[in-house]
């Protein structure tokens, strides 16, 4: 008898303009961290977490001068 396990993952995140996102894990409970290029300031949350519904917490931050 076989069991099929469906692995919930959050979607791939893209880098904000003038910054970078580092995804540590797309699995439930995983985290992603945002940083900005030199001379830019992060606007919004710097860390997002993958929820049990497969959706990242918060919203994508931006990098501005």
PDB file of N, CA and C in Angstrom:
ATOM      1  N   UNK A   1       0.848  -1.186   0.000  1.00  0.00           N
ATOM      2  CA  UNK A   1       0.000   0.000   0.000  1.00  0.00           C
ATOM      3  C   UNK A   1       0.891   1.245   0.000  1.00  0.00           C
ATOM      4  N   UNK A   2       0.594   2.119  -0.931  1.00  0.00           N
ATOM      5  CA  UNK A   2       1.395   3.338  -1.065  1.00  0.00           C
ATOM      6  C   UNK A   2       0.629   4.543  -0.532  1.00  0.00           C
ATOM      7  N   UNK A   3       1.371   5.422   0.090  1.00  0.00           N
ATOM      8  CA  UNK A   3       0.792   6.685   0.548  1.00  0.00           C
ATOM      9  C   UNK A   3       1.478   7.815  -0.206  1.00  0.00           C
ATOM     10  N   UNK A   4       0.694   8.748  -0.656  1.00  0.00           N
ATOM     11  CA  UNK A   4       1.241   9.886  -1.380  1.00  0.00           C
ATOM     12  C   UNK A   4       1.215  11.108  -0.465  1.00  0.00           C
ATOM     13  N   UNK A   5       2.375  11.627  -0.187  1.00  0.00           N
ATOM     14  CA  UNK A   5       2.463  12.811   0.659  1.00  0.00           C
ATOM     15  C   UNK A   5       2.652  14.038  -0.212  1.00  0.00           C
ATOM     16  N   UNK A   6       1.784  15.009  -0.023  1.00  0.00           N
ATOM     17  CA  UNK A   6       1.903  16.248  -0.773  1.00  0.00           C
ATOM     18  C   UNK A   6       2.645  17.257   0.081  1.00  0.00           C
ATOM     19  N   UNK A   7       3.777  17.701  -0.415  1.00  0.00           N
ATOM     20  CA  UNK A   7       4.597  18.646   0.318  1.00  0.00           C
ATOM     21  C   UNK A   7       4.176  20.073  -0.018  1.00  0.00           C
ATOM     22  N   UNK A   8       3.682  20.788   0.986  1.00  0.00           N
ATOM     23  CA  UNK A   8       3.283  22.179   0.780  1.00  0.00           C
ATOM     24  C   UNK A   8       4.529  23.052   0.805  1.00  0.00           C
ATOM     25  N   UNK A   9       4.668  23.875  -0.210  1.00  0.00           N
ATOM     26  CA  UNK A   9       5.774  24.819  -0.266  1.00  0.00           C
ATOM     27  C   UNK A   9       5.244  26.183  -0.669  1.00  0.00           C
ATOM     28  N   UNK A  10       5.905  27.211  -0.192  1.00  0.00           N
ATOM     29  CA  UNK A  10       5.566  28.560  -0.612  1.00  0.00           C
ATOM     30  C   UNK A  10       6.187  28.831  -1.977  1.00  0.00           C
ATOM     31  N   UNK A  11       5.621  29.781  -2.726  1.00  0.00           N
ATOM     32  CA  UNK A  11       6.154  30.070  -4.059  1.00  0.00           C
ATOM     33  C   UNK A  11       7.545  30.686  -4.004  1.00  0.00           C
ATOM     34  N   UNK A  12       8.215  30.635  -5.137  1.00  0.00           N
ATOM     35  CA  UNK A  12       9.542  31.239  -5.260  1.00  0.00           C
ATOM     36  C   UNK A  12       9.399  32.754  -5.139  1.00  0.00           C
ATOM     37  N   UNK A  13      10.297  33.365  -4.384  1.00  0.00           N
ATOM     38  CA  UNK A  13      10.288  34.819  -4.221  1.00  0.00           C
ATOM     39  C   UNK A  13      11.307  35.446  -5.166  1.00  0.00           C
ATOM     40  N   UNK A  14      11.009  36.636  -5.651  1.00  0.00           N
ATOM     41  CA  UNK A  14      11.923  37.342  -6.527  1.00  0.00           C
ATOM     42  C   UNK A  14      12.594  38.487  -5.770  1.00  0.00           C
ATOM     43  N   UNK A  15      13.773  38.837  -6.224  1.00  0.00           N
ATOM     44  CA  UNK A  15      14.515  39.930  -5.594  1.00  0.00           C
ATOM     45  C   UNK A  15      13.772  41.247  -5.769  1.00  0.00           C
ATOM     46  N   UNK A  16      13.756  42.078  -4.718  1.00  0.00           N
ATOM     47  CA  UNK A  16      13.206  43.424  -4.904  1.00  0.00           C
ATOM     48  C   UNK A  16      14.195  44.259  -5.722  1.00  0.00           C
ATOM     49  N   UNK A  17      13.732  45.340  -6.317  1.00  0.00           N
ATOM     50  CA  UNK A  17      14.631  46.236  -7.043  1.00  0.00           C
ATOM     51  C   UNK A  17      15.678  46.765  -6.071  1.00  0.00           C
ATOM     52  N   UNK A  18      16.933  46.740  -6.474  1.00  0.00           N
ATOM     53  CA  UNK A  18      18.052  47.230  -5.659  1.00  0.00           C
ATOM     54  C   UNK A  18      18.260  46.429  -4.378  1.00  0.00           C
ATOM     55  N   UNK A  19      17.877  45.148  -4.408  1.00  0.00           N
ATOM     56  CA  UNK A  19      18.055  44.316  -3.227  1.00  0.00           C
ATOM     57  C   UNK A  19      18.098  42.844  -3.571  1.00  0.00           C
ATOM     58  N   UNK A  20      18.051  42.039  -2.523  1.00  0.00           N
ATOM     59  CA  UNK A  20      18.176  40.592  -2.702  1.00  0.00           C
ATOM     60  C   UNK A  20      17.355  39.869  -1.641  1.00  0.00           C
ATOM     61  N   UNK A  21      16.757  38.756  -2.023  1.00  0.00           N
ATOM     62  CA  UNK A  21      16.066  37.901  -1.062  1.00  0.00           C
ATOM     63  C   UNK A  21      16.829  36.582  -0.973  1.00  0.00           C
ATOM     64  N   UNK A  22      17.040  36.116   0.243  1.00  0.00           N
ATOM     65  CA  UNK A  22      17.670  34.820   0.486  1.00  0.00           C
ATOM     66  C   UNK A  22      16.619  33.916   1.107  1.00  0.00           C
ATOM     67  N   UNK A  23      16.251  32.858   0.378  1.00  0.00           N
ATOM     68  CA  UNK A  23      15.235  31.925   0.883  1.00  0.00           C
ATOM     69  C   UNK A  23      15.950  30.774   1.569  1.00  0.00           C
ATOM     70  N   UNK A  24      15.727  30.651   2.868  1.00  0.00           N
ATOM     71  CA  UNK A  24      16.358  29.579   3.638  1.00  0.00           C
ATOM     72  C   UNK A  24      15.601  28.275   3.457  1.00  0.00           C
ATOM     73  N   UNK A  25      14.272  28.374   3.338  1.00  0.00           N
ATOM     74  CA  UNK A  25      13.452  27.192   3.080  1.00  0.00           C
ATOM     75  C   UNK A  25      12.080  27.637   2.606  1.00  0.00           C
ATOM     76  N   UNK A  26      11.543  26.942   1.571  1.00  0.00           N
ATOM     77  CA  UNK A  26      10.194  27.219   1.089  1.00  0.00           C
ATOM     78  C   UNK A  26       9.175  26.291   1.726  1.00  0.00           C
ATOM     79  N   UNK A  27       9.627  25.416   2.609  1.00  0.00           N
ATOM     80  CA  UNK A  27       8.715  24.503   3.302  1.00  0.00           C
ATOM     81  C   UNK A  27       7.963  25.255   4.402  1.00  0.00           C
ATOM     82  N   UNK A  28       6.915  24.654   4.915  1.00  0.00           N
ATOM     83  CA  UNK A  28       6.144  25.266   6.001  1.00  0.00           C
ATOM     84  C   UNK A  28       7.069  25.588   7.164  1.00  0.00           C
ATOM     85  N   UNK A  29       6.973  26.816   7.653  1.00  0.00           N
ATOM     86  CA  UNK A  29       7.829  27.252   8.752  1.00  0.00           C
ATOM     87  C   UNK A  29       9.159  27.803   8.290  1.00  0.00           C
ATOM     88  N   UNK A  30       9.427  27.707   6.996  1.00  0.00           N
ATOM     89  CA  UNK A  30      10.676  28.223   6.446  1.00  0.00           C
ATOM     90  C   UNK A  30      10.693  29.740   6.443  1.00  0.00           C
ATOM     91  N   UNK A  31      11.861  30.293   6.231  1.00  0.00           N
ATOM     92  CA  UNK A  31      12.015  31.740   6.273  1.00  0.00           C
ATOM     93  C   UNK A  31      12.755  32.260   5.055  1.00  0.00           C
ATOM     94  N   UNK A  32      12.547  33.538   4.795  1.00  0.00           N
ATOM     95  CA  UNK A  32      13.259  34.251   3.737  1.00  0.00           C
ATOM     96  C   UNK A  32      13.663  35.610   4.293  1.00  0.00           C
ATOM     97  N   UNK A  33      14.888  36.015   4.002  1.00  0.00           N
ATOM     98  CA  UNK A  33      15.378  37.293   4.495  1.00  0.00           C
ATOM     99  C   UNK A  33      15.710  38.238   3.350  1.00  0.00           C
ATOM    100  N   UNK A  34      15.440  39.506   3.545  1.00  0.00           N
ATOM    101  CA  UNK A  34      15.670  40.525   2.525  1.00  0.00           C
ATOM    102  C   UNK A  34      16.804  41.467   2.947  1.00  0.00           C
ATOM    103  N   UNK A  35      17.632  41.833   1.998  1.00  0.00           N
ATOM    104  CA  UNK A  35      18.663  42.841   2.219  1.00  0.00           C
ATOM    105  C   UNK A  35      18.664  43.776   1.022  1.00  0.00           C
ATOM    106  N   UNK A  36      19.179  44.985   1.239  1.00  0.00           N
ATOM    107  CA  UNK A  36      19.247  45.973   0.164  1.00  0.00           C
ATOM    108  C   UNK A  36      20.695  46.234  -0.218  1.00  0.00           C
ATOM    109  N   UNK A  37      20.881  46.686  -1.439  1.00  0.00           N
ATOM    110  CA  UNK A  37      22.205  47.056  -1.907  1.00  0.00           C
ATOM    111  C   UNK A  37      22.716  48.248  -1.101  1.00  0.00           C
ATOM    112  N   UNK A  38      24.019  48.443  -1.114  1.00  0.00           N
ATOM    113  CA  UNK A  38      24.643  49.561  -0.409  1.00  0.00           C
ATOM    114  C   UNK A  38      24.022  50.879  -0.856  1.00  0.00           C
ATOM    115  N   UNK A  39      23.638  51.698   0.124  1.00  0.00           N
ATOM    116  CA  UNK A  39      23.047  52.994  -0.179  1.00  0.00           C
ATOM    117  C   UNK A  39      21.534  52.979  -0.230  1.00  0.00           C
ATOM    118  N   UNK A  40      20.933  51.791  -0.094  1.00  0.00           N
ATOM    119  CA  UNK A  40      19.479  51.666  -0.117  1.00  0.00           C
ATOM    120  C   UNK A  40      18.978  51.206   1.253  1.00  0.00           C
ATOM    121  N   UNK A  41      17.760  51.627   1.591  1.00  0.00           N
ATOM    122  CA  UNK A  41      17.158  51.290   2.886  1.00  0.00           C
ATOM    123  C   UNK A  41      15.964  50.371   2.669  1.00  0.00           C
ATOM    124  N   UNK A  42      15.874  49.336   3.505  1.00  0.00           N
ATOM    125  CA  UNK A  42      14.761  48.390   3.421  1.00  0.00           C
ATOM    126  C   UNK A  42      13.495  49.034   3.975  1.00  0.00           C
ATOM    127  N   UNK A  43      12.447  49.002   3.206  1.00  0.00           N
ATOM    128  CA  UNK A  43      11.135  49.513   3.624  1.00  0.00           C
ATOM    129  C   UNK A  43      10.196  48.323   3.738  1.00  0.00           C
ATOM    130  N   UNK A  44       9.797  48.015   4.950  1.00  0.00           N
ATOM    131  CA  UNK A  44       8.938  46.857   5.189  1.00  0.00           C
ATOM    132  C   UNK A  44       9.665  45.842   6.038  1.00  0.00           C
ATOM    133  N   UNK A  45       9.108  44.657   6.125  1.00  0.00           N
ATOM    134  CA  UNK A  45       9.685  43.614   6.961  1.00  0.00           C
ATOM    135  C   UNK A  45      10.855  42.930   6.270  1.00  0.00           C
ATOM    136  N   UNK A  46      11.919  42.647   7.038  1.00  0.00           N
ATOM    137  CA  UNK A  46      13.104  42.031   6.472  1.00  0.00           C
ATOM    138  C   UNK A  46      13.062  40.523   6.440  1.00  0.00           C
ATOM    139  N   UNK A  47      12.084  39.931   7.143  1.00  0.00           N
ATOM    140  CA  UNK A  47      11.973  38.465   7.204  1.00  0.00           C
ATOM    141  C   UNK A  47      10.522  38.070   6.970  1.00  0.00           C
ATOM    142  N   UNK A  48      10.328  37.047   6.147  1.00  0.00           N
ATOM    143  CA  UNK A  48       8.989  36.495   5.914  1.00  0.00           C
ATOM    144  C   UNK A  48       9.033  34.997   6.176  1.00  0.00           C
ATOM    145  N   UNK A  49       7.902  34.452   6.627  1.00  0.00           N
ATOM    146  CA  UNK A  49       7.820  33.031   6.957  1.00  0.00           C
ATOM    147  C   UNK A  49       6.772  32.345   6.088  1.00  0.00           C
ATOM    148  N   UNK A  50       7.049  31.078   5.768  1.00  0.00           N
ATOM    149  CA  UNK A  50       6.120  30.280   4.966  1.00  0.00           C
ATOM    150  C   UNK A  50       5.062  29.673   5.878  1.00  0.00           C
ATOM    151  N   UNK A  51       3.815  30.024   5.648  1.00  0.00           N
ATOM    152  CA  UNK A  51       2.710  29.530   6.470  1.00  0.00           C
ATOM    153  C   UNK A  51       2.230  28.156   6.050  1.00  0.00           C
ATOM    154  N   UNK A  52       1.406  27.559   6.897  1.00  0.00           N
ATOM    155  CA  UNK A  52       0.890  26.208   6.630  1.00  0.00           C
ATOM    156  C   UNK A  52      -0.020  26.173   5.412  1.00  0.00           C
ATOM    157  N   UNK A  53      -0.483  27.352   4.961  1.00  0.00           N
ATOM    158  CA  UNK A  53      -1.339  27.428   3.777  1.00  0.00           C
ATOM    159  C   UNK A  53      -0.528  27.633   2.494  1.00  0.00           C
ATOM    160  N   UNK A  54       0.820  27.631   2.634  1.00  0.00           N
ATOM    161  CA  UNK A  54       1.665  27.797   1.461  1.00  0.00           C
ATOM    162  C   UNK A  54       1.780  29.236   0.997  1.00  0.00           C
ATOM    163  N   UNK A  55       1.501  30.179   1.906  1.00  0.00           N
ATOM    164  CA  UNK A  55       1.568  31.601   1.580  1.00  0.00           C
ATOM    165  C   UNK A  55       2.608  32.270   2.478  1.00  0.00           C
ATOM    166  N   UNK A  56       3.438  33.134   1.892  1.00  0.00           N
ATOM    167  CA  UNK A  56       4.424  33.866   2.673  1.00  0.00           C
ATOM    168  C   UNK A  56       3.741  34.907   3.550  1.00  0.00           C
ATOM    169  N   UNK A  57       4.243  35.092   4.755  1.00  0.00           N
ATOM    170  CA  UNK A  57       3.699  36.095   5.655  1.00  0.00           C
ATOM    171  C   UNK A  57       4.047  37.500   5.151  1.00  0.00           C
ATOM    172  N   UNK A  58       3.255  38.464   5.573  1.00  0.00           N
ATOM    173  CA  UNK A  58       3.535  39.858   5.240  1.00  0.00           C
ATOM    174  C   UNK A  58       3.499  40.133   3.749  1.00  0.00           C
ATOM    175  N   UNK A  59       4.168  41.210   3.375  1.00  0.00           N
ATOM    176  CA  UNK A  59       4.232  41.568   1.965  1.00  0.00           C
ATOM    177  C   UNK A  59       5.692  41.838   1.599  1.00  0.00           C
ATOM    178  N   UNK A  60       5.948  41.834   0.317  1.00  0.00           N
ATOM    179  CA  UNK A  60       7.317  42.011  -0.167  1.00  0.00           C
ATOM    180  C   UNK A  60       7.796  43.424   0.155  1.00  0.00           C
ATOM    181  N   UNK A  61       8.950  43.533   0.809  1.00  0.00           N
ATOM    182  CA  UNK A  61       9.483  44.861   1.100  1.00  0.00           C
ATOM    183  C   UNK A  61      10.123  45.473  -0.146  1.00  0.00           C
ATOM    184  N   UNK A  62      10.499  46.735  -0.024  1.00  0.00           N
ATOM    185  CA  UNK A  62      11.176  47.409  -1.121  1.00  0.00           C
ATOM    186  C   UNK A  62      12.459  48.064  -0.605  1.00  0.00           C
ATOM    187  N   UNK A  63      13.324  48.418  -1.518  1.00  0.00           N
ATOM    188  CA  UNK A  63      14.573  49.087  -1.180  1.00  0.00           C
ATOM    189  C   UNK A  63      14.541  50.473  -1.823  1.00  0.00           C
ATOM    190  N   UNK A  64      14.744  51.492  -1.006  1.00  0.00           N
ATOM    191  CA  UNK A  64      14.700  52.853  -1.545  1.00  0.00           C
ATOM    192  C   UNK A  64      15.883  53.660  -1.032  1.00  0.00           C
ATOM    193  N   UNK A  65      16.188  54.751  -1.723  1.00  0.00           N
ATOM    194  CA  UNK A  65      17.309  55.631  -1.337  1.00  0.00           C
ATOM    195  C   UNK A  65      16.901  56.482  -0.157  1.00  0.00           C
TER     196      UNK A  65
END
